[in-house]
Amino acid sequence: MIFKRMLSRRWIIATLLVLFGAGVCIRLGIWQLDRLDQRRAFNARVLAQVDQPTLILDCEALAEDIASMEYRPVQVSGEYDFSQEIALRNQYYGSEWGVHLVTPLKISGSDQSILVDRGWIPAADFEAGDWSKFAEPGIVTVRGVIRAAQSKAQLGSLTDPTPAPGEAPRQAWYFVNIELISKQIPYALLPAYIQQAPDPSWTTLPYRTQPELEITEGPHMGYALQWFTFASILSLGYPFFIRRQEKRSAV
């Protein structure tokens, strides 16, 4: 009987709106469960890498798929090419805005090169345009973590444009987009980069940083339960609402 009333001329529009609202809530709940699965997969991947022994990036290791080893500890020796150095925009050290200097490192004993995020410098030094005082000449040993290339923001549409033919090399980038950066560097780069780790003996600029990893499941399960609860309230409460309104109309 109640279902006939729900489909009557008086209630059909409200019924359709309730069904649509409940469907949207269910879809949002499923989306949050998908986000939870993605978060769990990310956590498992990160934990599997951070627990690995430090990868010594020498001739033998260069044959491995380092792009799949994000967050694994790594150590490599080589010499920087400061003529191809770039800056990574919109980086903060505490509350102070600046950039990260990202420099190709020519790996010792090989013909391979890899980008290294050497750390943060203030905006004033970046805008001055002369970064030579931050150079680290000669053979250096870099310790840090492997990072995957990035082409766009996780949220939003911000990207780096593709360099145009004949365009001057771009010094400032929003992302370490290795595919695009390679187009303005006269030699090949490995498909991942290194974020250099802090060293107690290094107390000057650029300041080394490491990625902040939050190995939790986040609020996704709670949000999913909320959306499913809203769907249940709409679906189960609506028939009772109609019955009460019909009784009031009959009085």
Foldseek 3Di string as FASTA:
>chain_A
DLVVVCCDPVNVVVSVVLVVLLVVLLVLLVVLVVLLVVLLVVLVQLVVQCPDPEAEPDPVCLVDQCLSRFFHKYKFKFFWDVVLKAWAAFDDDVNAGFTWIWTWGCTPPDRAIAIERAATDHHVCVVVVDPPVQHDGDMDMFIFGKAAWDAADPDDGDGDDADDVPHQQHRYGNTRHQVRSVVRDPDHHRRIHGQGAADPVDDDPRGGDHDDDDSDSPCSNVSSVVSNVSSCCSVVVVSVVSVVVVVVVVD
